[in-house]
N, C-alpha and C. Protein backbone atom coordinates (compact mmCIF):
# COMPACT_ATOMS: atom_id res chain seq x y z
N MET A 1 -269.04 91.49 -34.96
CA MET A 1 -268.00 90.84 -34.14
C MET A 1 -268.68 90.11 -32.95
N ARG A 2 -268.28 88.97 -32.65
CA ARG A 2 -268.87 88.24 -31.33
C ARG A 2 -268.19 88.56 -30.19
N ILE A 3 -269.09 88.85 -29.31
CA ILE A 3 -268.55 89.18 -27.87
C ILE A 3 -269.05 88.04 -26.96
N GLU A 4 -268.34 87.49 -26.19
CA GLU A 4 -268.72 86.25 -25.75
C GLU A 4 -268.05 86.35 -24.09
N TRP A 5 -269.00 86.29 -22.98
CA TRP A 5 -268.58 86.20 -21.60
C TRP A 5 -268.12 84.64 -21.50
N VAL A 6 -267.00 84.28 -21.51
CA VAL A 6 -266.26 82.91 -21.09
C VAL A 6 -266.63 82.58 -19.43
N LYS A 7 -266.23 83.61 -18.49
CA LYS A 7 -266.17 83.59 -17.19
C LYS A 7 -266.79 85.01 -16.85
N GLN A 8 -267.47 85.02 -15.66
CA GLN A 8 -268.04 86.30 -15.28
C GLN A 8 -268.59 86.56 -13.80
N HIS A 9 -268.09 87.70 -13.38
CA HIS A 9 -268.49 87.94 -12.08
C HIS A 9 -268.10 86.95 -10.89
N THR A 10 -266.76 86.79 -11.16
CA THR A 10 -265.97 85.96 -10.01
C THR A 10 -265.02 86.68 -9.42
N GLY A 11 -264.98 87.96 -9.67
CA GLY A 11 -263.88 88.73 -8.90
C GLY A 11 -263.86 89.98 -9.46
N GLY A 12 -262.91 91.09 -9.11
CA GLY A 12 -262.97 92.30 -9.40
C GLY A 12 -261.90 92.41 -10.67
N ARG A 13 -261.34 91.33 -11.37
CA ARG A 13 -260.45 91.38 -12.39
C ARG A 13 -261.18 90.65 -13.64
N VAL A 14 -260.86 91.41 -14.95
CA VAL A 14 -261.21 90.89 -16.01
C VAL A 14 -260.20 90.76 -17.19
N VAL A 15 -260.03 89.86 -17.84
CA VAL A 15 -259.18 89.90 -19.25
C VAL A 15 -260.24 90.06 -20.37
N VAL A 16 -259.83 91.03 -21.23
CA VAL A 16 -260.90 91.21 -22.31
C VAL A 16 -259.94 90.63 -23.44
N PHE A 17 -260.21 89.67 -24.37
CA PHE A 17 -259.31 89.24 -25.17
C PHE A 17 -259.77 89.27 -26.70
N TYR A 18 -258.97 89.72 -27.36
CA TYR A 18 -259.25 89.94 -28.95
C TYR A 18 -258.39 88.80 -29.59
N ASN A 19 -259.52 87.54 -30.08
CA ASN A 19 -259.02 86.69 -30.74
C ASN A 19 -258.20 86.97 -32.45
N GLY A 20 -257.83 86.00 -32.89
CA GLY A 20 -257.08 85.85 -34.02
C GLY A 20 -258.19 85.44 -35.12
N TRP A 21 -257.95 85.77 -36.64
CA TRP A 21 -258.78 85.38 -37.66
C TRP A 21 -259.24 84.06 -37.53
N GLY A 22 -260.44 83.97 -37.86
CA GLY A 22 -261.07 82.50 -37.97
C GLY A 22 -261.12 81.46 -36.56
N MET A 23 -260.85 82.23 -35.49
CA MET A 23 -260.77 81.28 -34.28
C MET A 23 -262.18 81.57 -33.69
N ASP A 24 -262.30 80.84 -32.62
CA ASP A 24 -263.12 81.03 -31.66
C ASP A 24 -262.73 80.65 -30.20
N ASN A 25 -263.49 80.46 -29.14
CA ASN A 25 -262.92 80.23 -27.81
C ASN A 25 -262.27 79.24 -27.48
N LYS A 26 -262.09 78.19 -28.46
CA LYS A 26 -261.57 77.07 -28.32
C LYS A 26 -259.90 77.56 -28.29
N ALA A 27 -259.46 78.60 -29.10
CA ALA A 27 -258.24 78.90 -29.11
C ALA A 27 -257.45 79.16 -28.07
N VAL A 28 -258.18 79.56 -26.61
CA VAL A 28 -257.55 79.85 -25.78
C VAL A 28 -257.86 78.93 -24.40
N SER A 29 -258.41 77.83 -24.79
CA SER A 29 -259.58 77.26 -24.08
C SER A 29 -258.78 76.53 -22.69
N GLN A 30 -257.25 75.96 -22.90
CA GLN A 30 -256.37 75.55 -22.05
C GLN A 30 -255.92 76.48 -21.10
N LEU A 31 -256.10 77.86 -21.14
CA LEU A 31 -255.49 78.74 -20.42
C LEU A 31 -256.45 79.02 -19.06
N ARG A 32 -255.58 78.57 -17.87
CA ARG A 32 -256.37 78.69 -16.78
C ARG A 32 -256.45 80.39 -16.32
N THR A 33 -257.27 80.51 -15.41
CA THR A 33 -257.57 82.25 -14.86
C THR A 33 -258.37 82.30 -13.50
N ASP A 34 -257.91 83.05 -12.78
CA ASP A 34 -258.69 83.23 -11.46
C ASP A 34 -259.70 84.61 -11.98
N CYS A 35 -259.25 85.55 -13.12
CA CYS A 35 -259.94 86.55 -13.63
C CYS A 35 -261.37 86.08 -14.41
N ASP A 36 -262.38 87.17 -14.60
CA ASP A 36 -263.21 86.70 -15.44
C ASP A 36 -262.56 87.03 -16.96
N LEU A 37 -263.43 86.43 -17.89
CA LEU A 37 -262.74 86.50 -19.44
C LEU A 37 -263.88 86.92 -20.28
N LEU A 38 -263.65 87.94 -21.14
CA LEU A 38 -264.53 88.16 -22.37
C LEU A 38 -263.65 88.08 -23.48
N ILE A 39 -264.12 87.28 -24.66
CA ILE A 39 -263.70 86.99 -25.73
C ILE A 39 -264.36 87.78 -26.89
N CYS A 40 -263.62 88.34 -27.64
CA CYS A 40 -264.00 89.05 -28.83
C CYS A 40 -263.57 88.53 -30.19
N SER A 41 -264.14 87.93 -31.06
CA SER A 41 -263.95 87.35 -32.29
C SER A 41 -264.72 87.56 -33.56
N ASP A 42 -264.29 87.14 -34.67
CA ASP A 42 -265.07 87.26 -35.92
C ASP A 42 -265.16 88.54 -36.38
N TYR A 43 -264.37 89.15 -37.21
CA TYR A 43 -264.35 90.24 -37.57
C TYR A 43 -264.68 90.81 -38.88
N ARG A 44 -265.89 90.03 -39.20
CA ARG A 44 -266.43 90.49 -40.41
C ARG A 44 -267.14 91.66 -40.36
N SER A 45 -267.54 92.19 -39.19
CA SER A 45 -267.86 93.54 -38.74
C SER A 45 -267.33 94.12 -37.85
N LEU A 46 -266.99 95.28 -37.47
CA LEU A 46 -266.58 95.66 -36.05
C LEU A 46 -267.71 96.34 -35.42
N GLU A 47 -268.92 96.20 -35.63
CA GLU A 47 -270.02 96.29 -35.11
C GLU A 47 -270.02 95.49 -33.82
N LEU A 48 -270.33 96.31 -32.31
CA LEU A 48 -270.44 95.48 -31.15
C LEU A 48 -272.01 94.88 -31.24
N PRO A 49 -272.27 93.52 -30.96
CA PRO A 49 -273.63 93.10 -30.83
C PRO A 49 -274.06 93.44 -29.54
N PHE A 50 -273.26 94.10 -28.58
CA PHE A 50 -273.88 94.51 -27.20
C PHE A 50 -272.62 95.16 -26.63
N LEU A 51 -273.26 96.31 -25.59
CA LEU A 51 -272.08 96.81 -24.76
C LEU A 51 -272.03 96.18 -23.54
N PRO A 52 -270.63 95.36 -23.16
CA PRO A 52 -270.57 94.71 -21.99
C PRO A 52 -270.61 95.65 -20.58
N ASP A 53 -270.97 94.84 -19.64
CA ASP A 53 -270.96 95.78 -18.32
C ASP A 53 -269.60 95.64 -17.69
N PHE A 54 -268.67 96.53 -17.54
CA PHE A 54 -267.42 96.69 -16.80
C PHE A 54 -267.37 97.35 -15.55
N SER A 55 -268.63 97.75 -14.95
CA SER A 55 -268.70 98.44 -13.84
C SER A 55 -268.12 98.04 -12.42
N ASP A 56 -268.31 96.53 -12.51
CA ASP A 56 -267.75 95.81 -11.15
C ASP A 56 -266.33 95.48 -11.22
N TYR A 57 -265.53 96.03 -12.28
CA TYR A 57 -264.33 95.59 -12.31
C TYR A 57 -263.43 96.68 -11.95
N ARG A 58 -262.38 96.40 -10.94
CA ARG A 58 -261.36 97.43 -10.76
C ARG A 58 -260.06 97.38 -11.40
N GLU A 59 -260.02 96.10 -12.02
CA GLU A 59 -258.84 95.88 -12.74
C GLU A 59 -259.08 95.20 -14.37
N ILE A 60 -258.98 95.87 -15.40
CA ILE A 60 -259.26 95.27 -16.68
C ILE A 60 -257.78 95.36 -17.37
N TYR A 61 -257.69 94.09 -18.20
CA TYR A 61 -256.41 93.73 -19.01
C TYR A 61 -257.04 93.43 -20.61
N LEU A 62 -256.41 94.11 -21.26
CA LEU A 62 -256.75 93.68 -22.55
C LEU A 62 -255.40 93.07 -23.19
N VAL A 63 -255.77 91.93 -23.88
CA VAL A 63 -254.87 91.00 -24.51
C VAL A 63 -255.25 90.92 -26.04
N ALA A 64 -254.45 91.18 -26.91
CA ALA A 64 -255.00 90.90 -28.54
C ALA A 64 -254.00 90.01 -29.08
N TRP A 65 -254.58 89.36 -29.87
CA TRP A 65 -253.43 88.44 -30.84
C TRP A 65 -253.85 88.62 -32.25
N SER A 66 -252.81 88.53 -33.19
CA SER A 66 -252.94 88.55 -34.41
C SER A 66 -253.83 89.49 -34.83
N MET A 67 -254.89 89.31 -35.59
CA MET A 67 -255.87 90.14 -36.26
C MET A 67 -256.42 91.09 -35.12
N GLY A 68 -256.52 90.39 -33.90
CA GLY A 68 -257.06 91.03 -32.92
C GLY A 68 -256.29 92.47 -32.29
N VAL A 69 -255.18 92.49 -32.75
CA VAL A 69 -254.41 93.64 -32.27
C VAL A 69 -255.17 94.96 -33.27
N TRP A 70 -255.61 94.75 -34.63
CA TRP A 70 -256.19 95.47 -35.35
C TRP A 70 -257.71 96.18 -34.93
N ALA A 71 -258.18 94.73 -34.59
CA ALA A 71 -259.63 94.94 -33.97
C ALA A 71 -259.74 95.54 -32.95
N ALA A 72 -258.81 95.14 -32.03
CA ALA A 72 -258.77 96.05 -30.69
C ALA A 72 -258.49 97.54 -30.84
N ALA A 73 -257.59 97.93 -31.66
CA ALA A 73 -257.29 99.31 -31.73
C ALA A 73 -258.67 100.21 -32.43
N ASN A 74 -259.14 99.35 -33.09
CA ASN A 74 -260.63 100.11 -34.11
C ASN A 74 -261.77 99.75 -33.14
N THR A 75 -261.53 99.28 -31.84
CA THR A 75 -263.15 98.81 -31.21
C THR A 75 -263.06 99.20 -29.90
N VAL A 76 -261.95 98.88 -29.09
CA VAL A 76 -261.88 99.08 -27.53
C VAL A 76 -262.40 100.50 -27.08
N GLY A 77 -262.40 101.43 -27.68
CA GLY A 77 -262.63 102.69 -27.32
C GLY A 77 -264.29 102.63 -27.04
N LYS A 78 -265.02 102.03 -27.89
CA LYS A 78 -266.49 101.56 -27.81
C LYS A 78 -266.69 101.01 -26.44
N LEU A 79 -265.80 100.23 -26.07
CA LEU A 79 -266.27 99.37 -24.76
C LEU A 79 -266.19 100.49 -23.52
N ASN A 80 -265.62 101.49 -23.46
CA ASN A 80 -265.48 102.73 -22.54
C ASN A 80 -264.83 102.09 -21.23
N ILE A 81 -263.79 101.42 -21.57
CA ILE A 81 -262.73 100.85 -20.36
C ILE A 81 -261.49 101.46 -20.57
N SER A 82 -260.93 101.52 -19.35
CA SER A 82 -259.46 102.00 -19.22
C SER A 82 -258.55 100.85 -18.74
N PRO A 83 -258.07 99.99 -19.48
CA PRO A 83 -257.18 98.75 -19.12
C PRO A 83 -255.95 99.14 -18.31
N ARG A 84 -255.73 98.41 -17.41
CA ARG A 84 -254.40 98.59 -16.81
C ARG A 84 -253.34 98.40 -17.48
N CYS A 85 -253.42 97.53 -18.37
CA CYS A 85 -252.42 97.14 -19.20
C CYS A 85 -252.93 96.67 -20.76
N ASN A 86 -252.34 97.13 -21.75
CA ASN A 86 -252.61 96.89 -23.25
C ASN A 86 -251.61 95.75 -23.78
N ILE A 87 -251.71 94.68 -24.09
CA ILE A 87 -250.93 93.53 -24.58
C ILE A 87 -251.13 93.17 -26.03
N ALA A 88 -250.40 93.52 -26.85
CA ALA A 88 -250.44 93.03 -28.32
C ALA A 88 -249.44 91.70 -28.50
N MET A 89 -250.00 90.45 -29.39
CA MET A 89 -248.97 89.57 -29.38
C MET A 89 -249.20 88.95 -30.69
N ASN A 90 -248.25 88.94 -31.51
CA ASN A 90 -247.95 88.40 -32.85
C ASN A 90 -248.91 89.03 -33.83
N GLY A 91 -248.90 90.41 -33.84
CA GLY A 91 -250.21 91.13 -34.74
C GLY A 91 -249.66 92.24 -34.71
N THR A 92 -250.45 93.29 -35.76
CA THR A 92 -249.94 94.67 -35.96
C THR A 92 -251.35 95.54 -35.90
N GLU A 93 -251.48 96.88 -36.31
CA GLU A 93 -252.35 97.51 -36.20
C GLU A 93 -252.59 97.57 -37.75
N TYR A 94 -251.79 96.91 -38.52
CA TYR A 94 -251.95 97.14 -40.05
C TYR A 94 -251.93 95.81 -40.72
N PRO A 95 -253.17 95.19 -40.78
CA PRO A 95 -253.17 93.66 -41.02
C PRO A 95 -252.55 93.45 -42.46
N VAL A 96 -252.80 94.22 -43.44
CA VAL A 96 -252.35 94.06 -44.79
C VAL A 96 -251.58 95.18 -45.22
N ASP A 97 -250.15 95.00 -44.88
CA ASP A 97 -249.24 96.16 -45.47
C ASP A 97 -247.71 95.39 -45.49
N ASP A 98 -247.27 96.09 -46.46
CA ASP A 98 -245.78 95.43 -46.94
C ASP A 98 -244.58 95.92 -45.77
N ASN A 99 -244.94 96.70 -45.12
CA ASN A 99 -243.93 97.19 -44.07
C ASN A 99 -244.24 96.87 -42.56
N LEU A 100 -245.61 96.87 -42.44
CA LEU A 100 -246.22 96.85 -41.05
C LEU A 100 -246.90 95.86 -40.85
N GLY A 101 -246.96 94.83 -41.56
CA GLY A 101 -248.21 93.81 -41.58
C GLY A 101 -247.95 92.53 -42.22
N ILE A 102 -248.74 92.05 -42.80
CA ILE A 102 -248.91 90.73 -43.79
C ILE A 102 -248.58 91.51 -44.97
N PRO A 103 -247.48 91.10 -45.86
CA PRO A 103 -247.20 91.79 -47.25
C PRO A 103 -248.60 91.48 -47.97
N CYS A 104 -248.92 92.47 -48.96
CA CYS A 104 -250.22 92.10 -49.64
C CYS A 104 -250.39 91.05 -50.49
N ARG A 105 -249.06 91.04 -51.13
CA ARG A 105 -249.07 89.78 -51.91
C ARG A 105 -249.43 88.33 -51.33
N ILE A 106 -248.81 88.40 -50.15
CA ILE A 106 -249.17 87.10 -49.25
C ILE A 106 -250.36 87.10 -48.98
N TYR A 107 -250.97 88.26 -48.37
CA TYR A 107 -252.33 88.08 -47.93
C TYR A 107 -253.11 87.80 -49.05
N ALA A 108 -252.99 88.13 -50.24
CA ALA A 108 -254.11 87.84 -51.43
C ALA A 108 -253.74 86.52 -52.03
N LEU A 109 -252.78 85.86 -51.68
CA LEU A 109 -252.49 84.31 -52.04
C LEU A 109 -253.14 83.46 -50.93
N THR A 110 -253.15 84.05 -49.80
CA THR A 110 -253.80 83.33 -48.54
C THR A 110 -254.95 83.50 -48.82
N GLU A 111 -255.88 84.41 -49.11
CA GLU A 111 -257.05 84.62 -49.40
C GLU A 111 -257.76 84.00 -50.59
N ARG A 112 -256.96 83.92 -51.56
CA ARG A 112 -257.20 83.13 -52.92
C ARG A 112 -257.04 81.70 -52.80
N GLY A 113 -256.26 81.19 -51.83
CA GLY A 113 -256.12 79.71 -51.36
C GLY A 113 -256.84 79.11 -49.98
N MET A 114 -257.77 79.93 -49.90
CA MET A 114 -258.36 79.55 -48.61
C MET A 114 -259.60 78.54 -48.90
N ASN A 115 -259.26 77.41 -48.86
CA ASN A 115 -260.27 76.19 -49.12
C ASN A 115 -260.12 75.26 -48.00
N ILE A 116 -260.49 74.16 -47.87
CA ILE A 116 -260.34 73.28 -46.64
C ILE A 116 -258.78 72.97 -46.61
N GLN A 117 -257.99 72.69 -47.70
CA GLN A 117 -256.79 72.32 -47.62
C GLN A 117 -255.81 73.47 -47.56
N GLY A 118 -256.17 74.81 -47.91
CA GLY A 118 -255.69 75.98 -47.61
C GLY A 118 -255.49 76.66 -45.85
N ARG A 119 -256.97 75.88 -45.44
CA ARG A 119 -257.07 76.37 -44.08
C ARG A 119 -255.94 75.41 -43.25
N ASP A 120 -255.95 74.12 -43.56
CA ASP A 120 -255.23 73.20 -42.91
C ASP A 120 -253.91 73.65 -42.82
N LYS A 121 -253.40 74.00 -44.18
CA LYS A 121 -251.86 74.73 -44.30
C LYS A 121 -251.64 75.89 -43.56
N PHE A 122 -252.78 76.70 -43.42
CA PHE A 122 -252.49 77.90 -42.36
C PHE A 122 -252.16 77.55 -41.13
N PHE A 123 -253.25 76.76 -40.31
CA PHE A 123 -253.15 76.23 -39.35
C PHE A 123 -251.73 75.59 -38.97
N CYS A 124 -251.30 74.94 -39.74
CA CYS A 124 -249.86 74.09 -39.73
C CYS A 124 -248.80 75.39 -39.78
N ARG A 125 -248.89 76.23 -40.41
CA ARG A 125 -247.61 77.23 -40.46
C ARG A 125 -247.66 78.14 -39.21
N MET A 126 -248.88 78.20 -38.52
CA MET A 126 -249.14 79.16 -37.46
C MET A 126 -248.46 78.30 -36.14
N LEU A 127 -248.25 77.12 -36.21
CA LEU A 127 -247.67 76.37 -35.15
C LEU A 127 -246.22 76.07 -35.28
N ASP A 128 -245.71 75.58 -34.42
CA ASP A 128 -244.23 75.47 -34.22
C ASP A 128 -243.81 73.80 -34.12
N GLY A 129 -244.19 73.07 -35.33
CA GLY A 129 -243.68 71.77 -35.08
C GLY A 129 -244.72 70.49 -34.95
N ALA A 130 -244.53 69.31 -34.75
CA ALA A 130 -245.37 68.44 -34.85
C ALA A 130 -246.24 68.18 -33.22
N GLU A 131 -245.40 68.60 -32.16
CA GLU A 131 -245.89 68.54 -30.93
C GLU A 131 -246.69 69.50 -30.94
N ASP A 132 -246.90 70.96 -31.45
CA ASP A 132 -247.73 71.94 -31.34
C ASP A 132 -249.16 71.49 -32.10
N ALA A 133 -248.99 70.81 -33.60
CA ALA A 133 -249.92 70.51 -34.36
C ALA A 133 -250.79 69.48 -33.44
N GLU A 134 -250.03 68.58 -32.77
CA GLU A 134 -250.66 67.63 -31.92
C GLU A 134 -251.96 68.23 -30.88
N ARG A 135 -251.19 69.11 -30.35
CA ARG A 135 -251.92 69.91 -29.09
C ARG A 135 -253.13 70.61 -29.53
N PHE A 136 -252.84 71.30 -30.84
CA PHE A 136 -253.76 72.22 -31.49
C PHE A 136 -255.11 71.45 -31.78
N VAL A 137 -255.03 70.28 -31.94
CA VAL A 137 -256.59 69.59 -32.07
C VAL A 137 -257.45 70.05 -31.00
N SER A 138 -257.16 70.12 -29.87
CA SER A 138 -258.08 70.60 -28.88
C SER A 138 -258.45 72.06 -28.97
N ASN A 139 -257.61 72.79 -29.60
CA ASN A 139 -257.84 74.24 -29.94
C ASN A 139 -258.19 74.89 -31.28
N ARG A 140 -258.40 73.83 -32.22
CA ARG A 140 -258.98 73.93 -33.45
C ARG A 140 -260.06 74.49 -33.60
N PRO A 141 -260.49 75.94 -34.21
CA PRO A 141 -261.80 76.51 -34.09
C PRO A 141 -263.02 75.70 -34.67
N CYS A 142 -264.39 75.59 -34.29
CA CYS A 142 -265.32 74.89 -34.82
C CYS A 142 -265.96 76.03 -35.48
N ARG A 143 -265.63 76.51 -36.72
CA ARG A 143 -266.30 77.52 -37.45
C ARG A 143 -266.53 77.04 -38.85
N ASP A 144 -267.46 77.55 -39.76
CA ASP A 144 -267.44 77.23 -41.02
C ASP A 144 -266.63 77.56 -41.96
N LEU A 145 -266.00 77.16 -42.79
CA LEU A 145 -265.11 77.77 -43.81
C LEU A 145 -265.70 79.08 -44.57
N PRO A 146 -266.80 78.75 -45.04
CA PRO A 146 -267.24 80.24 -45.80
C PRO A 146 -267.26 81.45 -44.92
N GLU A 147 -267.56 81.12 -43.47
CA GLU A 147 -267.59 82.61 -42.75
C GLU A 147 -266.19 82.91 -42.52
N GLN A 148 -265.29 81.87 -42.37
CA GLN A 148 -263.84 82.52 -42.31
C GLN A 148 -263.15 83.01 -43.49
N VAL A 149 -263.70 82.59 -44.95
CA VAL A 149 -263.07 82.89 -45.74
C VAL A 149 -263.71 84.86 -46.09
N GLU A 150 -264.76 84.55 -45.57
CA GLU A 150 -265.76 86.08 -45.66
C GLU A 150 -265.08 86.99 -44.65
N GLU A 151 -264.69 86.47 -43.39
CA GLU A 151 -263.68 87.16 -42.26
C GLU A 151 -262.28 87.70 -42.94
N LEU A 152 -261.70 86.90 -43.60
CA LEU A 152 -260.33 87.05 -44.30
C LEU A 152 -260.44 88.09 -45.13
N CYS A 153 -261.49 88.19 -46.13
CA CYS A 153 -261.86 89.22 -47.07
C CYS A 153 -262.10 90.50 -46.52
N LEU A 154 -263.06 90.44 -45.45
CA LEU A 154 -263.70 91.85 -44.91
C LEU A 154 -262.47 92.66 -43.94
N ILE A 155 -261.67 91.56 -43.56
CA ILE A 155 -260.63 92.31 -42.73
C ILE A 155 -259.74 93.03 -43.56
N ARG A 156 -259.26 92.63 -44.61
CA ARG A 156 -258.51 93.13 -45.81
C ARG A 156 -259.49 94.55 -46.50
N THR A 157 -260.66 94.74 -46.54
CA THR A 157 -261.32 95.91 -46.95
C THR A 157 -261.32 96.72 -46.00
N GLN A 158 -261.84 96.38 -44.69
CA GLN A 158 -262.02 97.37 -43.33
C GLN A 158 -260.72 97.74 -43.05
N SER A 159 -259.85 97.11 -43.20
CA SER A 159 -258.34 97.66 -42.56
C SER A 159 -258.03 98.67 -43.41
N ALA A 160 -258.89 98.69 -44.62
CA ALA A 160 -258.06 99.96 -45.43
C ALA A 160 -258.79 101.27 -45.12
N VAL A 161 -259.90 101.08 -44.16
CA VAL A 161 -260.76 102.21 -43.72
C VAL A 161 -260.54 102.57 -42.34
N TYR A 162 -260.44 101.70 -41.62
CA TYR A 162 -260.27 101.69 -40.11
C TYR A 162 -258.94 101.63 -39.69
N LYS A 163 -258.13 103.01 -39.19
CA LYS A 163 -256.76 102.58 -38.99
C LYS A 163 -256.33 103.44 -37.57
N ASN A 164 -257.39 103.24 -36.58
CA ASN A 164 -256.89 103.82 -35.32
C ASN A 164 -255.70 103.03 -34.91
N ASN A 165 -255.31 103.92 -33.57
CA ASN A 165 -254.05 103.40 -33.07
C ASN A 165 -254.24 103.22 -31.50
N LEU A 166 -253.65 102.47 -30.69
CA LEU A 166 -254.09 102.18 -29.47
C LEU A 166 -252.33 102.24 -28.78
N LYS A 167 -252.38 102.79 -27.40
CA LYS A 167 -251.31 102.95 -26.84
C LYS A 167 -251.20 101.44 -26.04
N TRP A 168 -250.02 100.69 -26.49
CA TRP A 168 -249.58 99.38 -26.12
C TRP A 168 -248.70 99.38 -25.20
N ASP A 169 -248.76 98.52 -24.00
CA ASP A 169 -247.75 98.49 -22.87
C ASP A 169 -246.76 97.64 -23.27
N LYS A 170 -247.17 96.42 -23.74
CA LYS A 170 -246.46 95.25 -23.92
C LYS A 170 -246.69 94.67 -25.43
N ILE A 171 -245.74 94.18 -26.00
CA ILE A 171 -245.92 94.04 -27.29
C ILE A 171 -245.02 92.49 -27.41
N PHE A 172 -245.32 91.29 -27.55
CA PHE A 172 -245.23 90.04 -27.85
C PHE A 172 -244.71 89.74 -29.34
N VAL A 173 -243.58 89.02 -29.52
CA VAL A 173 -243.34 88.90 -30.89
C VAL A 173 -242.52 87.53 -30.82
N SER A 174 -243.34 86.56 -31.69
CA SER A 174 -243.03 85.31 -31.58
C SER A 174 -241.60 84.94 -32.60
N GLU A 175 -240.54 84.45 -32.07
CA GLU A 175 -239.32 84.20 -33.05
C GLU A 175 -239.57 83.78 -34.44
N LYS A 176 -240.62 82.51 -34.50
CA LYS A 176 -240.52 82.02 -35.70
C LYS A 176 -241.86 82.31 -36.40
N ASP A 177 -242.36 83.46 -35.88
CA ASP A 177 -243.78 83.63 -36.60
C ASP A 177 -243.82 83.84 -38.00
N VAL A 178 -244.27 83.08 -38.89
CA VAL A 178 -244.33 83.39 -40.43
C VAL A 178 -245.58 83.76 -40.87
N ILE A 179 -246.44 84.15 -40.11
CA ILE A 179 -248.01 84.49 -40.41
C ILE A 179 -247.91 86.15 -40.50
N PHE A 180 -247.66 86.79 -39.15
CA PHE A 180 -246.87 87.96 -39.72
C PHE A 180 -245.58 88.22 -39.39
N PRO A 181 -244.84 88.35 -40.41
CA PRO A 181 -243.55 88.14 -40.27
C PRO A 181 -242.79 88.83 -39.30
N VAL A 182 -241.98 88.40 -38.77
CA VAL A 182 -241.10 89.22 -37.47
C VAL A 182 -240.58 90.50 -37.83
N MET A 183 -239.88 90.54 -39.28
CA MET A 183 -239.33 91.87 -39.68
C MET A 183 -240.46 93.08 -39.26
N GLN A 184 -241.87 92.90 -40.03
CA GLN A 184 -242.96 93.80 -40.14
C GLN A 184 -243.32 94.19 -39.00
N GLN A 185 -243.49 92.98 -37.88
CA GLN A 185 -244.08 93.10 -36.40
C GLN A 185 -242.94 94.24 -35.77
N MET A 186 -241.52 93.96 -35.87
CA MET A 186 -240.52 94.80 -35.33
C MET A 186 -240.70 96.23 -35.85
N ASN A 187 -240.90 96.39 -37.06
CA ASN A 187 -241.05 97.80 -37.76
C ASN A 187 -241.87 98.32 -37.10
N TRP A 188 -243.33 97.51 -36.81
CA TRP A 188 -244.44 98.46 -36.16
C TRP A 188 -244.17 98.62 -34.71
N ALA A 189 -243.63 97.67 -34.08
CA ALA A 189 -243.32 97.75 -32.59
C ALA A 189 -242.32 98.66 -32.17
N SER A 190 -241.53 98.97 -32.86
CA SER A 190 -240.21 99.89 -32.78
C SER A 190 -240.78 101.42 -31.95
N GLY A 191 -240.36 101.36 -30.55
CA GLY A 191 -240.43 102.64 -30.19
C GLY A 191 -242.22 102.72 -29.57
N LYS A 192 -242.91 101.82 -29.89
CA LYS A 192 -244.05 101.81 -28.94
C LYS A 192 -244.38 101.26 -27.68
N ALA A 193 -243.68 100.41 -27.51
CA ALA A 193 -243.80 99.75 -26.01
C ALA A 193 -242.80 98.70 -25.76
N GLU A 194 -242.38 98.25 -24.55
CA GLU A 194 -241.74 97.21 -24.41
C GLU A 194 -241.84 95.80 -25.22
N ILE A 195 -240.71 95.17 -25.86
CA ILE A 195 -241.20 94.24 -26.81
C ILE A 195 -240.51 93.05 -26.21
N LYS A 196 -241.46 91.77 -26.00
CA LYS A 196 -241.09 90.71 -25.17
C LYS A 196 -240.86 89.72 -26.45
N LYS A 197 -239.87 88.94 -26.37
CA LYS A 197 -239.61 88.00 -27.42
C LYS A 197 -240.29 86.49 -27.01
N LEU A 198 -240.80 85.89 -27.89
CA LEU A 198 -241.41 84.48 -27.38
C LEU A 198 -240.62 83.47 -28.09
N ARG A 199 -240.69 82.39 -27.68
CA ARG A 199 -240.21 81.02 -28.61
C ARG A 199 -241.68 80.78 -29.48
N GLY A 200 -241.24 80.11 -30.39
CA GLY A 200 -242.25 79.28 -31.30
C GLY A 200 -242.96 80.41 -32.47
N GLY A 201 -244.15 79.73 -33.16
CA GLY A 201 -244.85 80.41 -33.98
C GLY A 201 -245.76 81.23 -33.71
N HIS A 202 -246.68 81.49 -34.55
CA HIS A 202 -247.59 82.48 -34.57
C HIS A 202 -248.56 82.45 -33.30
N TYR A 203 -248.88 81.31 -33.20
CA TYR A 203 -249.81 80.80 -32.14
C TYR A 203 -248.94 80.59 -30.70
N PRO A 204 -249.14 81.73 -29.88
CA PRO A 204 -248.31 81.75 -28.97
C PRO A 204 -248.69 81.19 -27.29
N PHE A 205 -249.83 80.57 -27.44
CA PHE A 205 -250.21 80.28 -26.31
C PHE A 205 -250.02 79.00 -25.52
N TYR A 206 -249.03 78.33 -26.42
CA TYR A 206 -248.27 77.05 -25.50
C TYR A 206 -247.26 77.63 -24.69
N ASN A 207 -246.80 78.92 -24.84
CA ASN A 207 -245.70 79.48 -23.70
C ASN A 207 -246.25 79.68 -22.54
N PHE A 208 -247.64 79.56 -22.16
CA PHE A 208 -248.46 80.16 -21.11
C PHE A 208 -249.11 78.84 -20.60
N GLN A 209 -249.28 79.05 -19.40
CA GLN A 209 -250.38 78.05 -18.43
C GLN A 209 -251.78 78.57 -18.26
N SER A 210 -251.66 79.99 -17.98
CA SER A 210 -252.77 81.08 -17.26
C SER A 210 -252.61 82.55 -18.14
N TRP A 211 -253.66 83.02 -17.87
CA TRP A 211 -253.78 84.43 -18.17
C TRP A 211 -252.93 85.20 -17.57
N GLU A 212 -252.74 85.00 -16.31
CA GLU A 212 -251.93 85.62 -15.26
C GLU A 212 -250.49 85.70 -15.77
N ASP A 213 -249.97 84.43 -16.45
CA ASP A 213 -248.76 84.38 -17.03
C ASP A 213 -248.44 85.16 -17.90
N ILE A 214 -249.73 85.59 -19.07
CA ILE A 214 -249.42 86.52 -20.01
C ILE A 214 -249.21 88.00 -19.60
N ILE A 215 -250.16 88.28 -18.61
CA ILE A 215 -250.35 89.35 -17.77
C ILE A 215 -248.91 89.84 -17.19
N ASN A 216 -248.28 88.93 -16.76
CA ASN A 216 -247.22 89.19 -15.77
C ASN A 216 -245.83 88.73 -16.64
N PHE A 217 -245.82 88.59 -17.86
CA PHE A 217 -244.45 88.13 -18.47
C PHE A 217 -243.79 89.48 -18.66
C-alpha cells in the first residue's frame, strides 16, 4: 500500500482518504481543503510502508472510496486512530461478491480484459457522460498498466482472506454507479449507517468542491 501526506501540519484536522483501484493522488486533486490530507492507495499489499503520526490532530475523518472501503476496513486499525466520522463512498467491504460487491463474473471479465483499451473503457464506465469524461482528463492516474492489473488481481485474492468490518457513519451511493452495482451496495449498506444518495456514476467527486463538503454532506 502507498501512503502519502498531500498536506501536513496546517491545523488540528486531518482527512485520511482511501483511494479507489488503479488511482493515485490526481483522483481528488481538485478538492479544496483547510484540513491536512493523507492518501492511501495501491492495494497490491495491505502492509503499511510506515506508520503516520496523528498525535497532533484533534479531529480525524476517514473517507474511503470504491476498493478503498475494503482496504480501510482491513488496515485502519493499524493506524491507531479513532476517526470522528467514517464515510464509505461507492464501495463495500466485499469487493468480489455476487450479493454485496462486484459480481464474480463481472470482476473476472474486467480482470481478463484489463489492457489499455479495457482500462479506458473502465474509466469511461465509472463517469457520468461526456462532460465528466472531459473533466477526468485532469484526474486520470499516472500509473503503469501492469501494476494496475496486478492490483486488480491481488485485490481479488486478498479479499478472500481479509474480511474485517468497520463501523461506518455515512454511506454514499451514486444512483448511476455501474462499477459497484447499486443493488449490491444497498444490500451491504442496509442497517449499517445513514445512506446518502448521490447523482452520477461511480466517480463521485464532481458532486463536491472540497473535503469539507464531503464530511458535512
